[in-house]
């Protein structure tokens, strides 16, 4: 099992939006960064854990968890000329972009803000801290465990 951090702007798609989907499952699509795409296509598997991160908002933070329900498959938006994610270079035979399905698992009792993550010594090597703009990023088992503790309010302080 692998662990990931998926970023989303809450005014576009929030953890609450995922929770309100049928079966609390939604498609994680629209990824148009090659490194993030490669993680989705080559590394993210069904059963993997996801930290749901709200970005581009007043207080960017990890707000809850999800689980990958379906591994990578071609993002249908890339073939839809009406979609903002349309890619004229993509085809059924040669897809360029991928998506996964995730299911809501939990909302944290308290959001874990980026500022706190950056100050926590045990999280100093997180990809989120080192390469903050990447929308899909790996998380170590130790980082996952600590963020779950911090999100419940039971984690170690700074």
N, C-alpha and C. Protein backbone atom coordinates (compact mmCIF):
# COMPACT_ATOMS: atom_id res chain seq x y z
N UNK A 1 0.84 -1.19 0.00
CA UNK A 1 0.00 0.00 0.00
C UNK A 1 0.88 1.24 0.00
N UNK A 2 0.52 2.18 -0.84
CA UNK A 2 1.22 3.46 -0.90
C UNK A 2 0.33 4.55 -0.34
N UNK A 3 0.95 5.68 -0.04
CA UNK A 3 0.24 6.85 0.47
C UNK A 3 0.54 8.04 -0.42
N UNK A 4 -0.47 8.89 -0.57
CA UNK A 4 -0.39 10.03 -1.48
C UNK A 4 -1.02 11.25 -0.84
N UNK A 5 -0.62 12.40 -1.34
CA UNK A 5 -1.30 13.65 -1.03
C UNK A 5 -1.85 14.17 -2.35
N UNK A 6 -3.16 14.39 -2.41
CA UNK A 6 -3.83 14.93 -3.59
C UNK A 6 -4.29 16.34 -3.22
N UNK A 7 -3.93 17.29 -4.09
CA UNK A 7 -4.31 18.69 -3.85
C UNK A 7 -5.52 19.07 -4.70
N UNK A 8 -6.40 19.84 -4.08
CA UNK A 8 -7.54 20.38 -4.80
C UNK A 8 -7.90 21.75 -4.23
N UNK A 9 -8.30 22.63 -5.10
CA UNK A 9 -8.80 23.92 -4.64
C UNK A 9 -10.23 23.70 -4.14
N UNK A 10 -10.51 24.04 -2.88
CA UNK A 10 -11.82 23.71 -2.31
C UNK A 10 -13.00 24.37 -3.02
N UNK A 11 -12.79 25.49 -3.70
CA UNK A 11 -13.90 26.09 -4.44
C UNK A 11 -14.15 25.36 -5.76
N UNK A 12 -13.21 24.51 -6.17
CA UNK A 12 -13.38 23.69 -7.38
C UNK A 12 -13.90 22.30 -7.01
N UNK A 13 -13.26 21.65 -6.04
CA UNK A 13 -13.66 20.31 -5.59
C UNK A 13 -13.08 20.11 -4.20
N UNK A 14 -13.95 20.05 -3.22
CA UNK A 14 -13.52 19.96 -1.82
C UNK A 14 -13.74 18.55 -1.28
N UNK A 15 -13.23 18.31 -0.09
CA UNK A 15 -13.49 17.04 0.59
C UNK A 15 -14.99 16.86 0.80
N UNK A 16 -15.70 17.95 1.12
CA UNK A 16 -17.16 17.86 1.28
C UNK A 16 -17.84 17.48 -0.03
N UNK A 17 -17.31 17.98 -1.16
CA UNK A 17 -17.86 17.58 -2.46
C UNK A 17 -17.70 16.08 -2.67
N UNK A 18 -16.53 15.55 -2.34
CA UNK A 18 -16.31 14.11 -2.47
C UNK A 18 -17.27 13.35 -1.57
N UNK A 19 -17.45 13.81 -0.35
CA UNK A 19 -18.34 13.13 0.59
C UNK A 19 -19.79 13.13 0.11
N UNK A 20 -20.16 14.12 -0.71
CA UNK A 20 -21.55 14.21 -1.17
C UNK A 20 -21.78 13.46 -2.49
N UNK A 21 -20.74 12.90 -3.08
CA UNK A 21 -20.88 12.12 -4.32
C UNK A 21 -21.64 10.81 -4.03
N UNK A 22 -22.29 10.25 -5.05
CA UNK A 22 -22.89 8.93 -4.85
C UNK A 22 -21.82 7.94 -4.38
N UNK A 23 -22.14 7.18 -3.37
CA UNK A 23 -21.20 6.23 -2.75
C UNK A 23 -19.93 6.92 -2.24
N UNK A 24 -19.98 8.24 -2.11
CA UNK A 24 -18.83 9.03 -1.64
C UNK A 24 -17.58 8.76 -2.48
N UNK A 25 -17.79 8.48 -3.77
CA UNK A 25 -16.71 8.16 -4.70
C UNK A 25 -16.75 9.12 -5.87
N UNK A 26 -15.57 9.64 -6.22
CA UNK A 26 -15.49 10.57 -7.35
C UNK A 26 -14.25 10.33 -8.19
N UNK A 27 -14.29 10.87 -9.38
CA UNK A 27 -13.16 10.77 -10.31
C UNK A 27 -12.19 11.91 -10.01
N UNK A 28 -10.92 11.58 -9.85
CA UNK A 28 -9.86 12.58 -9.67
C UNK A 28 -9.25 12.80 -11.05
N UNK A 29 -9.71 13.85 -11.71
CA UNK A 29 -9.32 14.08 -13.10
C UNK A 29 -8.78 15.49 -13.29
N UNK A 30 -8.46 15.82 -14.52
CA UNK A 30 -7.98 17.16 -14.83
C UNK A 30 -6.51 17.37 -14.53
N UNK A 31 -5.78 16.32 -14.21
CA UNK A 31 -4.35 16.45 -13.92
C UNK A 31 -3.63 16.72 -15.24
N UNK A 32 -2.91 17.84 -15.30
CA UNK A 32 -2.22 18.21 -16.53
C UNK A 32 -0.75 18.58 -16.27
N UNK A 33 -0.17 17.93 -15.30
CA UNK A 33 1.26 18.05 -15.01
C UNK A 33 1.85 16.67 -15.25
N UNK A 34 2.94 16.61 -16.00
CA UNK A 34 3.49 15.30 -16.39
C UNK A 34 3.98 14.48 -15.21
N UNK A 35 4.60 15.10 -14.23
CA UNK A 35 5.08 14.34 -13.08
C UNK A 35 3.90 13.78 -12.29
N UNK A 36 2.87 14.59 -12.06
CA UNK A 36 1.68 14.12 -11.36
C UNK A 36 0.99 13.02 -12.18
N UNK A 37 0.90 13.21 -13.49
CA UNK A 37 0.31 12.20 -14.37
C UNK A 37 1.05 10.88 -14.26
N UNK A 38 2.38 10.95 -14.24
CA UNK A 38 3.18 9.73 -14.16
C UNK A 38 2.95 9.01 -12.84
N UNK A 39 2.81 9.74 -11.74
CA UNK A 39 2.47 9.11 -10.47
C UNK A 39 1.13 8.39 -10.59
N UNK A 40 0.12 9.09 -11.14
CA UNK A 40 -1.20 8.47 -11.28
C UNK A 40 -1.13 7.23 -12.16
N UNK A 41 -0.51 7.36 -13.29
CA UNK A 41 -0.48 6.28 -14.29
C UNK A 41 0.35 5.09 -13.82
N UNK A 42 1.49 5.35 -13.18
CA UNK A 42 2.47 4.29 -12.93
C UNK A 42 2.56 3.81 -11.48
N UNK A 43 2.09 4.59 -10.53
CA UNK A 43 2.35 4.27 -9.12
C UNK A 43 1.10 4.16 -8.24
N UNK A 44 0.07 4.95 -8.52
CA UNK A 44 -1.12 4.96 -7.67
C UNK A 44 -1.95 3.71 -7.96
N UNK A 45 -2.31 2.98 -6.89
CA UNK A 45 -3.04 1.73 -7.04
C UNK A 45 -4.31 1.74 -6.19
N UNK A 46 -5.27 0.90 -6.59
CA UNK A 46 -6.47 0.71 -5.77
C UNK A 46 -6.03 0.27 -4.38
N UNK A 47 -6.66 0.84 -3.37
CA UNK A 47 -6.33 0.53 -1.99
C UNK A 47 -5.35 1.50 -1.36
N UNK A 48 -4.69 2.33 -2.16
CA UNK A 48 -3.75 3.32 -1.61
C UNK A 48 -4.50 4.38 -0.81
N UNK A 49 -3.81 4.92 0.19
CA UNK A 49 -4.37 5.98 1.02
C UNK A 49 -4.08 7.35 0.43
N UNK A 50 -5.02 8.27 0.60
CA UNK A 50 -4.90 9.63 0.07
C UNK A 50 -5.14 10.63 1.20
N UNK A 51 -4.19 11.56 1.37
CA UNK A 51 -4.42 12.74 2.20
C UNK A 51 -5.04 13.78 1.29
N UNK A 52 -6.20 14.29 1.65
CA UNK A 52 -6.91 15.29 0.85
C UNK A 52 -6.46 16.66 1.32
N UNK A 53 -5.88 17.44 0.40
CA UNK A 53 -5.28 18.73 0.73
C UNK A 53 -6.01 19.84 0.01
N UNK A 54 -6.48 20.83 0.75
CA UNK A 54 -7.10 22.01 0.15
C UNK A 54 -6.01 23.05 -0.11
N UNK A 55 -5.87 23.44 -1.38
CA UNK A 55 -4.84 24.41 -1.78
C UNK A 55 -5.49 25.66 -2.34
N UNK A 56 -4.67 26.66 -2.60
CA UNK A 56 -5.12 27.92 -3.20
C UNK A 56 -6.34 28.48 -2.45
N UNK A 57 -6.24 28.48 -1.13
CA UNK A 57 -7.30 29.01 -0.29
C UNK A 57 -6.65 29.78 0.86
N UNK A 58 -7.46 30.37 1.71
CA UNK A 58 -6.93 31.22 2.77
C UNK A 58 -5.95 30.46 3.67
N UNK A 59 -6.29 29.24 4.04
CA UNK A 59 -5.41 28.42 4.89
C UNK A 59 -5.24 27.05 4.23
N UNK A 60 -4.23 26.89 3.37
CA UNK A 60 -4.00 25.58 2.77
C UNK A 60 -3.73 24.55 3.86
N UNK A 61 -4.36 23.36 3.72
CA UNK A 61 -4.26 22.39 4.81
C UNK A 61 -4.67 20.99 4.34
N UNK A 62 -4.15 19.98 5.04
CA UNK A 62 -4.65 18.62 4.90
C UNK A 62 -5.93 18.56 5.73
N UNK A 63 -7.02 18.12 5.10
CA UNK A 63 -8.32 18.20 5.76
C UNK A 63 -8.98 16.84 6.01
N UNK A 64 -8.44 15.78 5.41
CA UNK A 64 -9.05 14.47 5.60
C UNK A 64 -8.38 13.42 4.75
N UNK A 65 -9.05 12.27 4.65
CA UNK A 65 -8.47 11.15 3.91
C UNK A 65 -9.48 10.56 2.93
N UNK A 66 -8.91 9.86 1.96
CA UNK A 66 -9.69 9.11 0.97
C UNK A 66 -8.90 7.85 0.64
N UNK A 67 -9.53 6.97 -0.13
CA UNK A 67 -8.88 5.75 -0.59
C UNK A 67 -9.03 5.66 -2.09
N UNK A 68 -7.98 5.22 -2.76
CA UNK A 68 -8.06 5.00 -4.21
C UNK A 68 -8.90 3.75 -4.44
N UNK A 69 -9.96 3.89 -5.22
CA UNK A 69 -10.87 2.77 -5.49
C UNK A 69 -10.60 2.14 -6.86
N UNK A 70 -10.11 2.92 -7.79
CA UNK A 70 -9.83 2.42 -9.14
C UNK A 70 -8.52 3.03 -9.60
N UNK A 71 -7.60 2.17 -10.03
CA UNK A 71 -6.30 2.64 -10.50
C UNK A 71 -6.47 3.41 -11.81
N UNK A 72 -5.38 3.93 -12.30
CA UNK A 72 -5.38 4.85 -13.44
C UNK A 72 -6.09 4.30 -14.67
N UNK A 73 -6.85 5.20 -15.28
CA UNK A 73 -7.48 4.94 -16.57
C UNK A 73 -7.50 6.27 -17.33
N UNK A 74 -7.61 6.22 -18.67
CA UNK A 74 -7.55 7.46 -19.45
C UNK A 74 -8.62 8.46 -18.99
N UNK A 75 -8.20 9.70 -18.80
CA UNK A 75 -9.10 10.78 -18.39
C UNK A 75 -10.03 11.10 -19.57
N UNK A 76 -11.34 10.86 -19.43
CA UNK A 76 -12.25 11.13 -20.54
C UNK A 76 -12.32 12.60 -20.95
N UNK A 77 -11.98 13.51 -20.04
CA UNK A 77 -12.06 14.94 -20.35
C UNK A 77 -11.08 15.33 -21.47
N UNK A 78 -10.00 14.59 -21.62
CA UNK A 78 -9.02 14.94 -22.64
C UNK A 78 -9.57 14.80 -24.06
N UNK A 79 -10.65 14.04 -24.23
CA UNK A 79 -11.23 13.80 -25.56
C UNK A 79 -12.49 14.63 -25.79
N UNK A 80 -12.91 15.40 -24.81
CA UNK A 80 -14.14 16.18 -24.89
C UNK A 80 -13.83 17.63 -25.27
N UNK A 81 -14.14 18.02 -26.50
CA UNK A 81 -13.82 19.40 -26.94
C UNK A 81 -14.50 20.48 -26.11
N UNK A 82 -15.55 20.14 -25.36
CA UNK A 82 -16.25 21.10 -24.52
C UNK A 82 -15.61 21.23 -23.15
N UNK A 83 -14.68 20.36 -22.83
CA UNK A 83 -14.06 20.36 -21.50
C UNK A 83 -12.87 21.31 -21.45
N UNK A 84 -12.67 21.97 -20.32
CA UNK A 84 -11.45 22.80 -20.18
C UNK A 84 -10.18 21.93 -20.16
N UNK A 85 -10.34 20.62 -20.01
CA UNK A 85 -9.21 19.70 -19.97
C UNK A 85 -9.00 18.97 -21.30
N UNK A 86 -9.69 19.43 -22.35
CA UNK A 86 -9.53 18.84 -23.68
C UNK A 86 -8.08 18.96 -24.14
N UNK A 87 -7.58 17.89 -24.76
CA UNK A 87 -6.23 17.88 -25.32
C UNK A 87 -6.31 17.37 -26.75
N UNK A 88 -6.13 18.25 -27.74
CA UNK A 88 -6.26 17.83 -29.14
C UNK A 88 -5.21 16.80 -29.57
N UNK A 89 -4.14 16.64 -28.79
CA UNK A 89 -3.12 15.65 -29.13
C UNK A 89 -3.45 14.26 -28.58
N UNK A 90 -4.47 14.16 -27.74
CA UNK A 90 -4.86 12.88 -27.15
C UNK A 90 -5.84 12.15 -28.06
N UNK A 91 -5.85 10.83 -27.97
CA UNK A 91 -6.80 10.00 -28.70
C UNK A 91 -7.10 8.76 -27.88
N UNK A 92 -8.13 8.02 -28.29
CA UNK A 92 -8.43 6.75 -27.61
C UNK A 92 -7.23 5.81 -27.68
N UNK A 93 -6.55 5.80 -28.81
CA UNK A 93 -5.41 4.92 -29.01
C UNK A 93 -4.16 5.40 -28.29
N UNK A 94 -4.08 6.70 -28.06
CA UNK A 94 -2.89 7.27 -27.45
C UNK A 94 -3.29 8.33 -26.40
N UNK A 95 -3.84 7.87 -25.27
CA UNK A 95 -4.22 8.84 -24.23
C UNK A 95 -2.98 9.48 -23.64
N UNK A 96 -3.10 10.75 -23.27
CA UNK A 96 -1.98 11.46 -22.66
C UNK A 96 -2.18 11.67 -21.17
N UNK A 97 -3.43 11.67 -20.72
CA UNK A 97 -3.74 12.04 -19.34
C UNK A 97 -4.58 10.95 -18.69
N UNK A 98 -4.39 10.81 -17.37
CA UNK A 98 -5.04 9.73 -16.63
C UNK A 98 -5.74 10.28 -15.40
N UNK A 99 -6.65 9.48 -14.88
CA UNK A 99 -7.37 9.83 -13.66
C UNK A 99 -7.54 8.56 -12.83
N UNK A 100 -7.97 8.73 -11.60
CA UNK A 100 -8.29 7.61 -10.71
C UNK A 100 -9.60 7.93 -10.03
N UNK A 101 -10.23 6.91 -9.46
CA UNK A 101 -11.42 7.12 -8.65
C UNK A 101 -11.02 7.00 -7.19
N UNK A 102 -11.52 7.92 -6.37
CA UNK A 102 -11.24 7.87 -4.93
C UNK A 102 -12.55 7.90 -4.15
N UNK A 103 -12.50 7.34 -2.94
CA UNK A 103 -13.66 7.34 -2.05
C UNK A 103 -13.30 8.05 -0.75
N UNK A 104 -14.22 8.91 -0.32
CA UNK A 104 -14.08 9.62 0.95
C UNK A 104 -13.90 8.61 2.08
N UNK A 105 -12.99 8.90 3.01
CA UNK A 105 -12.82 8.07 4.19
C UNK A 105 -13.10 8.84 5.48
N UNK A 106 -12.48 10.02 5.60
CA UNK A 106 -12.65 10.75 6.86
C UNK A 106 -12.39 12.22 6.67
N UNK A 107 -13.01 13.00 7.53
CA UNK A 107 -12.67 14.42 7.66
C UNK A 107 -11.95 14.57 8.98
N UNK A 108 -10.85 15.28 8.97
CA UNK A 108 -10.09 15.47 10.20
C UNK A 108 -10.89 16.30 11.20
N UNK A 109 -10.68 16.02 12.47
CA UNK A 109 -11.28 16.83 13.53
C UNK A 109 -10.77 18.26 13.45
N UNK A 110 -9.54 18.40 12.99
CA UNK A 110 -8.98 19.73 12.75
C UNK A 110 -8.08 19.65 11.52
N UNK A 111 -8.17 20.65 10.67
CA UNK A 111 -7.29 20.72 9.50
C UNK A 111 -5.85 20.91 9.97
N UNK A 112 -4.93 20.34 9.21
CA UNK A 112 -3.50 20.50 9.52
C UNK A 112 -2.93 21.47 8.49
N UNK A 113 -2.73 22.73 8.89
CA UNK A 113 -2.31 23.77 7.94
C UNK A 113 -0.88 23.56 7.44
N UNK A 114 -0.64 24.04 6.24
CA UNK A 114 0.68 23.97 5.64
C UNK A 114 1.72 24.62 6.54
N UNK A 115 1.39 25.74 7.16
CA UNK A 115 2.34 26.43 8.04
C UNK A 115 2.79 25.51 9.17
N UNK A 116 1.88 24.74 9.74
CA UNK A 116 2.22 23.80 10.80
C UNK A 116 3.07 22.65 10.26
N UNK A 117 2.71 22.15 9.09
CA UNK A 117 3.48 21.07 8.46
C UNK A 117 4.92 21.52 8.25
N UNK A 118 5.10 22.73 7.75
CA UNK A 118 6.45 23.25 7.48
C UNK A 118 7.27 23.41 8.75
N UNK A 119 6.63 23.62 9.88
CA UNK A 119 7.34 23.81 11.15
C UNK A 119 7.63 22.51 11.88
N UNK A 120 6.96 21.43 11.48
CA UNK A 120 7.11 20.16 12.20
C UNK A 120 8.38 19.44 11.73
N UNK A 121 9.35 19.21 12.61
CA UNK A 121 10.62 18.60 12.21
C UNK A 121 10.45 17.25 11.51
N UNK A 122 9.50 16.44 11.93
CA UNK A 122 9.31 15.11 11.34
C UNK A 122 8.71 15.18 9.93
N UNK A 123 8.24 16.36 9.53
CA UNK A 123 7.64 16.52 8.20
C UNK A 123 8.49 17.39 7.27
N UNK A 124 9.70 17.71 7.69
CA UNK A 124 10.57 18.62 6.94
C UNK A 124 10.94 18.10 5.56
N UNK A 125 10.94 16.77 5.38
CA UNK A 125 11.32 16.20 4.09
C UNK A 125 10.13 15.83 3.22
N UNK A 126 8.92 16.20 3.63
CA UNK A 126 7.74 15.91 2.80
C UNK A 126 7.88 16.58 1.44
N UNK A 127 7.38 15.91 0.42
CA UNK A 127 7.35 16.51 -0.92
C UNK A 127 6.57 17.81 -0.88
N UNK A 128 5.53 17.88 -0.07
CA UNK A 128 4.73 19.09 0.06
C UNK A 128 5.58 20.28 0.48
N UNK A 129 6.56 20.04 1.31
CA UNK A 129 7.45 21.10 1.79
C UNK A 129 8.53 21.39 0.75
N UNK A 130 9.05 20.37 0.11
CA UNK A 130 10.17 20.50 -0.82
C UNK A 130 9.74 20.92 -2.23
N UNK A 131 8.58 20.41 -2.68
CA UNK A 131 8.11 20.65 -4.04
C UNK A 131 6.62 20.95 -3.99
N UNK A 132 6.28 22.06 -3.39
CA UNK A 132 4.92 22.37 -3.01
C UNK A 132 3.89 22.44 -4.10
N UNK A 133 4.26 22.72 -5.33
CA UNK A 133 3.27 22.93 -6.37
C UNK A 133 2.74 21.64 -6.99
N UNK A 134 3.36 20.52 -6.75
CA UNK A 134 2.96 19.25 -7.35
C UNK A 134 1.61 18.79 -6.79
N UNK A 135 0.65 18.50 -7.66
CA UNK A 135 -0.72 18.22 -7.22
C UNK A 135 -0.96 16.78 -6.77
N UNK A 136 -0.13 15.86 -7.19
CA UNK A 136 -0.17 14.47 -6.74
C UNK A 136 1.24 14.16 -6.26
N UNK A 137 1.37 13.75 -5.01
CA UNK A 137 2.72 13.53 -4.48
C UNK A 137 2.74 12.39 -3.49
N UNK A 138 3.85 11.65 -3.46
CA UNK A 138 3.95 10.54 -2.51
C UNK A 138 4.12 11.04 -1.08
N UNK A 139 3.66 10.21 -0.15
CA UNK A 139 3.77 10.48 1.28
C UNK A 139 4.32 9.20 1.90
N UNK A 140 5.27 9.31 2.79
CA UNK A 140 5.80 8.12 3.46
C UNK A 140 4.80 7.61 4.50
N UNK A 141 4.97 6.37 4.91
CA UNK A 141 4.11 5.80 5.94
C UNK A 141 4.22 6.60 7.24
N UNK A 142 5.43 7.04 7.58
CA UNK A 142 5.62 7.82 8.81
C UNK A 142 4.91 9.17 8.71
N UNK A 143 5.00 9.84 7.55
CA UNK A 143 4.32 11.12 7.35
C UNK A 143 2.81 10.93 7.43
N UNK A 144 2.32 9.88 6.79
CA UNK A 144 0.89 9.55 6.81
C UNK A 144 0.41 9.40 8.26
N UNK A 145 1.11 8.58 9.02
CA UNK A 145 0.73 8.30 10.40
C UNK A 145 0.72 9.58 11.25
N UNK A 146 1.75 10.38 11.10
CA UNK A 146 1.83 11.62 11.88
C UNK A 146 0.72 12.59 11.50
N UNK A 147 0.44 12.73 10.21
CA UNK A 147 -0.62 13.65 9.80
C UNK A 147 -1.99 13.16 10.26
N UNK A 148 -2.20 11.85 10.28
CA UNK A 148 -3.47 11.35 10.83
C UNK A 148 -3.58 11.71 12.31
N UNK A 149 -2.48 11.56 13.05
CA UNK A 149 -2.49 11.93 14.46
C UNK A 149 -2.74 13.42 14.65
N UNK A 150 -2.08 14.24 13.86
CA UNK A 150 -2.27 15.69 13.96
C UNK A 150 -3.70 16.07 13.61
N UNK A 151 -4.28 15.40 12.61
CA UNK A 151 -5.65 15.70 12.19
C UNK A 151 -6.70 15.34 13.22
N UNK A 152 -6.40 14.38 14.07
CA UNK A 152 -7.34 14.01 15.13
C UNK A 152 -7.10 14.84 16.39
N UNK A 153 -6.01 15.61 16.39
CA UNK A 153 -5.67 16.40 17.57
C UNK A 153 -4.88 15.61 18.59
N UNK A 154 -4.51 14.37 18.22
CA UNK A 154 -3.79 13.50 19.16
C UNK A 154 -2.30 13.42 18.85
N UNK A 155 -1.86 14.17 17.85
CA UNK A 155 -0.47 14.07 17.42
C UNK A 155 0.48 14.80 18.33
N UNK A 156 1.76 14.47 18.19
CA UNK A 156 2.79 15.16 18.98
C UNK A 156 2.92 16.62 18.57
N UNK A 157 3.14 17.45 19.50
CA UNK A 157 3.33 18.88 19.22
C UNK A 157 4.68 19.14 18.58
N UNK A 158 4.92 20.39 18.33
CA UNK A 158 6.19 20.77 17.68
C UNK A 158 7.36 20.66 18.63
